[in-house]
Amino acid sequence: MIRLRMLPGEDGDCLLLEYGDGGFTRRLLIDGGRAGTYPRIKSALAGLGGLIDVLVITHVDQDHILGVLAMLDDRQRPVEFGDVWFNGFDQLLDTEGFGAQDGEKLTTALMEQEIPWNVAFSGRSIEVGRPVDWFDDGSTMEVLSPDRVQLEKLVPDWVKECARHGLIPGQDPVPAVPGFESFGPVDVNALAASAFRPDTSRTNLTSIGFLFEFEGTRIVFTGDADDRRLVSSLRPRALEEGGRLRVDALKVAHHGSDHNLSRDLLDMIDCNRYLISTSGARHAHPNEIAMARILKHGGPEKEIVFNYRSRAALWDLDGLKERFGYTVLAPPETEDGFITVEF
């Protein structure tokens, strides 16, 4: 059994992966979305039996971390954690002690509440090439991003932000960012041919990405990871399989930004399910260029899964679906933000 639920992370990520064989069930919660996410998912978490085996906080951007902070602030939260994966300030430097910048809120919460932190990595950074103590249950997990250089590049920004007012502000402002309702005619070929310009956000470059596999099913989780780093990590696996790595689902990085999804990556994987996690509230993700790349280069038959109906409706167009061989899956109106896929 493998079940993946995309939860209402607003413009961010909040994903719950459950897997097992009847004798056991493991649960991974990947990111927490915005501050408003936790109240919406608390009842769902209450049905999990009290334990999430691993909480992965891919990086420190607010659309991934604020919901985690809200959850940790709730001393009556319905779940505890076997391990929390998070690259804090000391992990950026790959040191084993705790330095002056540990006033940052998540670090403080983990330490004050004595929550296990990066235990699977012996307390050190989560990065490409780092040995991991994973579950002996038939599943595998391989870290795809970030690498040491990407982590260290964030250090100056982290120090500056902590000195200014704390890495994660206590408020969750909602800036006015114009969205879009429809495109009119879409020239998929022209959009897909747009030159790829990689993401330069230093926080996104530190995003934890990993390849999960259980009973022959493979899922690539990306957070907001750097496309080039993902390509470098997946290339050896793809070469072992003749040039294309079979993948059962790709969580599209950075909610479908064209700066985090290249044709190089799409040409390297044989994938028939693409997961888009966003309400589009702040940056109108998924970007039409990224979507065009999926439509044209994402395989002859594919399913595109959205957790928000408004984003799905933009691409649930019969003409495009017939031409580019895809279907759209979206939640019912009464459960907008929640959708479940099983493998």
Protein backbone atom coordinates (compact mmCIF):
# COMPACT_ATOMS: atom_id res chain seq x y z
CA MET A 1 0.00 0.00 0.00
CA ILE A 2 1.24 3.46 -0.93
CA ARG A 3 -1.02 6.45 -0.41
CA LEU A 4 -0.05 10.06 -1.01
CA ARG A 5 -2.25 12.91 0.14
CA MET A 6 -1.69 16.47 -0.99
CA LEU A 7 -3.04 18.68 1.78
CA PRO A 8 -4.13 22.35 1.64
CA GLY A 9 -0.74 24.06 1.87
CA GLU A 10 -2.17 27.15 0.13
CA ASP A 11 0.62 28.33 -2.20
CA GLY A 12 3.03 25.92 -0.50
CA ASP A 13 3.54 22.21 0.11
CA CYS A 14 2.02 19.88 2.69
CA LEU A 15 2.16 16.21 1.69
CA LEU A 16 1.41 13.06 3.67
CA LEU A 17 2.96 9.81 2.43
CA GLU A 18 1.72 6.54 3.94
CA TYR A 19 3.02 3.11 3.01
CA GLY A 20 3.00 -0.41 4.37
CA ASP A 21 2.37 -4.08 3.69
CA GLY A 22 -0.44 -4.92 6.11
CA GLY A 23 1.98 -5.67 8.93
CA PHE A 24 3.12 -2.09 9.36
CA THR A 25 2.27 1.43 8.25
CA ARG A 26 4.81 4.24 7.99
CA ARG A 27 3.95 7.91 7.63
CA LEU A 28 6.00 10.83 6.34
CA LEU A 29 4.74 14.42 6.50
CA ILE A 30 6.58 16.62 4.03
CA ASP A 31 6.33 20.34 4.86
CA GLY A 32 3.47 22.13 6.58
CA GLY A 33 2.28 24.78 4.15
CA ARG A 34 1.18 28.20 5.41
CA ALA A 35 0.08 29.11 8.94
CA GLY A 36 -3.55 28.52 7.95
CA THR A 37 -2.79 24.96 6.85
CA TYR A 38 -2.49 23.40 10.29
CA PRO A 39 -6.06 24.17 11.48
CA ARG A 40 -7.39 22.61 8.28
CA ILE A 41 -5.38 19.38 8.59
CA LYS A 42 -5.46 18.89 12.37
CA SER A 43 -8.47 16.57 12.26
CA ALA A 44 -6.82 14.49 9.53
CA LEU A 45 -3.67 14.21 11.62
CA ALA A 46 -5.76 13.10 14.59
CA GLY A 47 -6.72 9.98 12.66
CA LEU A 48 -3.14 8.79 12.21
CA GLY A 49 -2.73 6.99 15.51
CA GLY A 50 -0.46 9.55 17.15
CA LEU A 51 2.81 9.06 15.26
CA ILE A 52 4.38 10.48 12.14
CA ASP A 53 7.57 8.54 11.55
CA VAL A 54 9.38 11.37 9.74
CA LEU A 55 8.56 15.06 9.39
CA VAL A 56 10.54 16.52 6.50
CA ILE A 57 10.91 20.30 6.38
CA THR A 58 12.43 20.76 2.96
CA HIS A 59 13.62 24.35 3.46
CA VAL A 60 12.89 27.56 5.35
CA ASP A 61 10.57 29.41 2.96
CA GLN A 62 7.36 30.44 4.71
CA ASP A 63 5.04 28.52 2.40
CA HIS A 64 6.66 25.30 3.63
CA ILE A 65 7.51 26.04 7.25
CA LEU A 66 4.84 28.26 8.82
CA GLY A 67 2.35 25.40 9.14
CA VAL A 68 5.01 23.35 10.92
CA LEU A 69 5.57 26.18 13.39
CA ALA A 70 1.83 26.37 14.03
CA MET A 71 1.76 22.63 14.66
CA LEU A 72 4.71 22.76 17.06
CA ASP A 73 3.10 25.66 18.93
CA ASP A 74 0.07 23.46 19.64
CA ARG A 75 0.91 21.50 22.77
CA GLN A 76 -2.27 19.46 22.20
CA ARG A 77 -1.26 18.47 18.68
CA PRO A 78 -2.51 14.96 17.87
CA VAL A 79 0.81 13.60 16.57
CA GLU A 80 4.43 13.24 17.64
CA PHE A 81 7.43 12.60 15.43
CA GLY A 82 9.92 9.77 15.23
CA ASP A 83 12.42 12.08 13.51
CA VAL A 84 12.43 15.57 12.02
CA TRP A 85 14.53 16.24 8.93
CA PHE A 86 15.54 19.88 8.72
CA ASN A 87 18.72 21.70 7.78
CA GLY A 88 19.09 24.42 10.39
CA PHE A 89 21.94 26.90 10.70
CA ASP A 90 24.40 24.38 12.10
CA GLN A 91 23.59 21.94 9.30
CA LEU A 92 24.39 24.64 6.75
CA LEU A 93 27.86 24.78 8.26
CA ASP A 94 27.87 21.02 8.94
CA THR A 95 28.87 21.55 12.56
CA GLU A 96 27.80 19.41 15.46
CA GLY A 97 27.36 22.08 18.14
CA PHE A 98 24.77 24.85 18.47
CA GLY A 99 25.73 28.44 17.75
CA ALA A 100 24.45 31.95 18.34
CA GLN A 101 21.80 31.89 15.61
CA ASP A 102 19.72 29.15 17.23
CA GLY A 103 17.11 31.64 18.40
CA GLU A 104 15.39 30.96 15.08
CA LYS A 105 11.95 29.66 15.87
CA LEU A 106 11.98 26.15 14.47
CA THR A 107 15.36 25.34 15.93
CA THR A 108 14.17 26.60 19.30
CA ALA A 109 10.96 24.56 19.16
CA LEU A 110 12.76 21.35 18.26
CA MET A 111 15.29 21.82 21.04
CA GLU A 112 12.88 22.96 23.76
CA GLN A 113 10.46 20.14 23.06
CA GLU A 114 13.30 17.60 22.69
CA ILE A 115 11.95 16.41 19.35
CA PRO A 116 14.30 14.02 17.52
CA TRP A 117 16.13 16.00 14.84
CA ASN A 118 18.05 14.52 11.89
CA VAL A 119 18.55 11.31 13.84
CA ALA A 120 18.69 9.36 10.57
CA PHE A 121 21.72 11.49 9.62
CA SER A 122 23.41 11.30 13.04
CA GLY A 123 22.33 14.87 13.71
CA ARG A 124 24.25 16.24 10.76
CA SER A 125 23.11 17.89 7.54
CA ILE A 126 20.78 16.27 5.04
CA GLU A 127 22.67 16.44 1.77
CA VAL A 128 23.65 14.46 -1.29
CA GLY A 129 26.06 11.67 -0.39
CA ARG A 130 25.35 11.68 3.36
CA PRO A 131 24.72 8.18 4.76
CA VAL A 132 21.19 7.75 6.06
CA ASP A 133 19.81 5.29 8.61
CA TRP A 134 16.55 4.43 6.84
CA PHE A 135 13.84 1.96 7.85
CA ASP A 136 14.50 -1.75 7.35
CA ASP A 137 11.07 -2.36 5.84
CA GLY A 138 11.74 -2.97 2.14
CA SER A 139 11.61 0.71 1.20
CA THR A 140 14.53 2.88 0.09
CA MET A 141 15.22 6.59 0.22
CA GLU A 142 17.95 8.47 -1.63
CA VAL A 143 18.69 12.16 -1.03
CA LEU A 144 18.76 14.04 -4.35
CA SER A 145 19.30 17.57 -3.05
CA PRO A 146 20.82 19.80 -1.72
CA ASP A 147 24.59 19.48 -1.92
CA ARG A 148 27.25 20.96 0.37
CA VAL A 149 27.94 23.99 -1.85
CA GLN A 150 24.24 24.91 -1.99
CA LEU A 151 23.89 24.70 1.80
CA GLU A 152 26.92 26.87 2.49
CA LYS A 153 25.78 29.58 0.06
CA LEU A 154 22.74 30.22 2.27
CA VAL A 155 24.81 30.97 5.38
CA PRO A 156 25.33 34.75 4.81
CA ASP A 157 21.64 35.30 4.08
CA TRP A 158 20.62 33.26 7.13
CA VAL A 159 22.93 35.27 9.42
CA LYS A 160 21.71 38.57 8.00
CA GLU A 161 18.05 37.64 8.37
CA CYS A 162 18.46 36.34 11.91
CA ALA A 163 20.28 39.54 12.89
CA ARG A 164 17.53 41.67 11.41
CA HIS A 165 14.38 40.18 12.96
CA GLY A 166 14.53 36.38 13.12
CA LEU A 167 14.51 33.94 10.24
CA ILE A 168 10.81 33.11 10.40
CA PRO A 169 8.60 36.11 11.24
CA GLY A 170 5.62 35.46 13.52
CA GLN A 171 3.13 36.82 11.00
CA ASP A 172 2.05 35.39 7.71
CA PRO A 173 1.40 38.39 5.41
CA VAL A 174 -0.52 37.89 2.20
CA PRO A 175 0.85 40.30 -0.42
CA ALA A 176 -1.34 41.17 -3.35
CA VAL A 177 0.02 39.21 -6.28
CA PRO A 178 -2.09 39.19 -9.42
CA GLY A 179 -3.22 35.78 -10.57
CA PHE A 180 -4.89 34.72 -13.77
CA GLU A 181 -8.13 33.04 -14.65
CA SER A 182 -7.56 31.82 -18.17
CA PHE A 183 -5.08 32.11 -21.00
CA GLY A 184 -7.12 32.07 -24.13
CA PRO A 185 -5.37 30.05 -26.85
CA VAL A 186 -2.23 28.35 -25.54
CA ASP A 187 0.76 27.78 -27.82
CA VAL A 188 2.21 24.80 -25.97
CA ASN A 189 5.00 24.23 -28.48
CA ALA A 190 6.24 27.82 -28.22
CA LEU A 191 6.00 27.86 -24.44
CA ALA A 192 7.77 24.50 -24.12
CA ALA A 193 10.59 25.79 -26.30
CA SER A 194 11.30 28.73 -23.97
CA ALA A 195 14.88 28.87 -22.77
CA PHE A 196 15.36 27.36 -19.32
CA ARG A 197 16.55 29.84 -16.71
CA PRO A 198 17.30 28.06 -13.42
CA ASP A 199 16.10 29.17 -10.01
CA THR A 200 18.57 31.41 -8.19
CA SER A 201 16.84 31.56 -4.79
CA ARG A 202 19.38 30.50 -2.18
CA THR A 203 16.68 29.08 0.07
CA ASN A 204 15.20 27.03 -2.75
CA LEU A 205 18.64 25.69 -3.62
CA THR A 206 18.86 24.18 -0.13
CA SER A 207 15.55 22.35 -0.50
CA ILE A 208 15.60 18.67 0.46
CA GLY A 209 14.64 16.40 -2.42
CA PHE A 210 14.58 12.62 -2.33
CA LEU A 211 13.67 9.50 -4.27
CA PHE A 212 11.38 7.14 -2.34
CA GLU A 213 10.84 3.55 -3.44
CA PHE A 214 8.67 0.79 -2.01
CA GLU A 215 7.55 -2.47 -3.64
CA GLY A 216 8.68 -1.25 -7.06
CA THR A 217 6.92 2.13 -6.87
CA ARG A 218 9.09 5.24 -7.12
CA ILE A 219 8.15 8.79 -6.18
CA VAL A 220 10.41 11.82 -6.51
CA PHE A 221 9.80 14.48 -3.86
CA THR A 222 11.37 17.81 -4.67
CA GLY A 223 10.24 20.63 -2.40
CA ASP A 224 11.50 23.68 -4.31
CA ALA A 225 14.75 21.99 -5.31
CA ASP A 226 17.21 23.11 -7.95
CA ASP A 227 16.48 21.36 -11.24
CA ARG A 228 20.18 21.08 -12.11
CA ARG A 229 20.94 19.35 -8.81
CA LEU A 230 18.06 16.91 -9.36
CA VAL A 231 19.30 16.13 -12.87
CA SER A 232 22.82 15.48 -11.57
CA SER A 233 21.55 13.19 -8.84
CA LEU A 234 19.16 11.21 -11.05
CA ARG A 235 21.42 10.86 -14.08
CA PRO A 236 23.39 7.82 -12.80
CA ARG A 237 20.15 6.00 -12.02
CA ALA A 238 18.76 6.88 -15.44
CA LEU A 239 21.89 5.63 -17.20
CA GLU A 240 21.60 2.33 -15.36
CA GLU A 241 18.14 1.93 -16.93
CA GLY A 242 19.17 2.82 -20.46
CA GLY A 243 18.87 6.60 -20.25
CA ARG A 244 15.44 7.07 -18.65
CA LEU A 245 14.56 6.38 -15.04
CA ARG A 246 11.10 4.92 -14.49
CA VAL A 247 9.27 7.08 -11.97
CA ASP A 248 5.67 6.58 -10.89
CA ALA A 249 5.16 10.18 -9.77
CA LEU A 250 7.06 13.46 -9.74
CA LYS A 251 6.09 16.15 -7.25
CA VAL A 252 6.79 19.08 -9.56
CA ALA A 253 9.34 21.34 -7.89
CA HIS A 254 8.42 24.81 -6.64
CA HIS A 255 4.72 24.32 -7.40
CA GLY A 256 5.29 24.34 -11.15
CA SER A 257 7.74 27.21 -11.59
CA ASP A 258 9.40 27.25 -15.01
CA HIS A 259 12.72 27.91 -13.20
CA ASN A 260 12.59 24.50 -11.49
CA LEU A 261 11.52 22.15 -14.28
CA SER A 262 13.65 21.65 -17.38
CA ARG A 263 13.33 19.49 -20.44
CA ASP A 264 16.59 17.84 -19.32
CA LEU A 265 14.80 16.46 -16.26
CA LEU A 266 11.70 15.42 -18.18
CA ASP A 267 13.80 13.67 -20.82
CA MET A 268 15.59 11.73 -18.07
CA ILE A 269 12.50 10.20 -16.48
CA ASP A 270 9.75 7.92 -17.71
CA CYS A 271 6.85 9.30 -15.65
CA ASN A 272 3.09 9.19 -16.07
CA ARG A 273 1.91 11.18 -13.02
CA TYR A 274 2.78 14.78 -12.14
CA LEU A 275 1.73 16.33 -8.84
CA ILE A 276 1.07 20.08 -8.61
CA SER A 277 0.77 21.41 -5.05
CA THR A 278 -0.40 25.03 -4.94
CA SER A 279 -3.41 27.31 -4.77
CA GLY A 280 -1.61 29.77 -7.02
CA ALA A 281 -2.41 32.52 -4.51
CA ARG A 282 0.84 34.43 -4.55
CA HIS A 283 2.75 33.61 -7.72
CA ALA A 284 0.06 32.17 -9.99
CA HIS A 285 1.80 28.79 -10.08
CA PRO A 286 1.92 26.50 -11.94
CA ASN A 287 3.62 28.59 -14.57
CA GLU A 288 2.34 28.10 -18.11
CA ILE A 289 5.87 27.40 -19.41
CA ALA A 290 6.41 24.61 -16.88
CA MET A 291 3.02 23.16 -17.72
CA ALA A 292 3.78 23.31 -21.44
CA ARG A 293 7.01 21.39 -20.82
CA ILE A 294 5.06 18.67 -19.00
CA LEU A 295 2.45 18.50 -21.75
CA LYS A 296 4.99 18.24 -24.55
CA HIS A 297 7.87 16.35 -22.92
CA GLY A 298 6.27 14.58 -19.95
CA GLY A 299 5.40 11.38 -21.81
CA PRO A 300 2.71 10.26 -24.26
CA GLU A 301 0.11 9.38 -21.59
CA LYS A 302 0.09 11.15 -18.24
CA GLU A 303 -2.06 12.27 -15.36
CA ILE A 304 -1.65 15.73 -13.83
CA VAL A 305 -2.89 15.91 -10.25
CA PHE A 306 -3.83 19.22 -8.64
CA ASN A 307 -4.89 19.77 -5.04
CA TYR A 308 -6.75 23.00 -5.85
CA ARG A 309 -9.63 23.13 -8.29
CA SER A 310 -8.88 26.61 -9.64
CA ARG A 311 -5.44 25.52 -10.82
CA ALA A 312 -6.79 22.32 -12.37
CA ALA A 313 -9.54 24.15 -14.27
CA LEU A 314 -6.99 26.16 -16.23
CA TRP A 315 -5.65 22.97 -17.83
CA ASP A 316 -8.75 20.77 -17.88
CA LEU A 317 -9.30 21.61 -21.54
CA ASP A 318 -10.48 18.89 -23.90
CA GLY A 319 -8.54 20.15 -26.90
CA LEU A 320 -5.23 20.24 -25.06
CA LYS A 321 -5.88 16.94 -23.29
CA GLU A 322 -6.58 15.13 -26.55
CA ARG A 323 -3.62 16.68 -28.34
CA PHE A 324 -1.02 16.10 -25.64
CA GLY A 325 -2.28 12.89 -24.06
CA TYR A 326 -3.09 13.80 -20.50
CA THR A 327 -5.87 13.69 -17.94
CA VAL A 328 -6.54 16.04 -15.01
CA LEU A 329 -7.35 14.96 -11.48
CA ALA A 330 -8.72 17.53 -9.01
CA PRO A 331 -10.52 17.36 -5.65
CA PRO A 332 -14.29 17.70 -5.31
CA GLU A 333 -15.59 21.16 -4.52
CA THR A 334 -16.25 20.29 -0.88
CA GLU A 335 -12.65 19.15 -0.31
CA ASP A 336 -10.65 21.79 -2.17
CA GLY A 337 -7.00 21.55 -1.13
CA PHE A 338 -7.20 17.81 -0.32
CA ILE A 339 -6.55 15.06 -2.84
CA THR A 340 -5.37 11.47 -2.49
CA VAL A 341 -3.56 9.27 -4.99
CA GLU A 342 -2.80 5.61 -4.49
CA PHE A 343 -0.18 3.46 -6.19
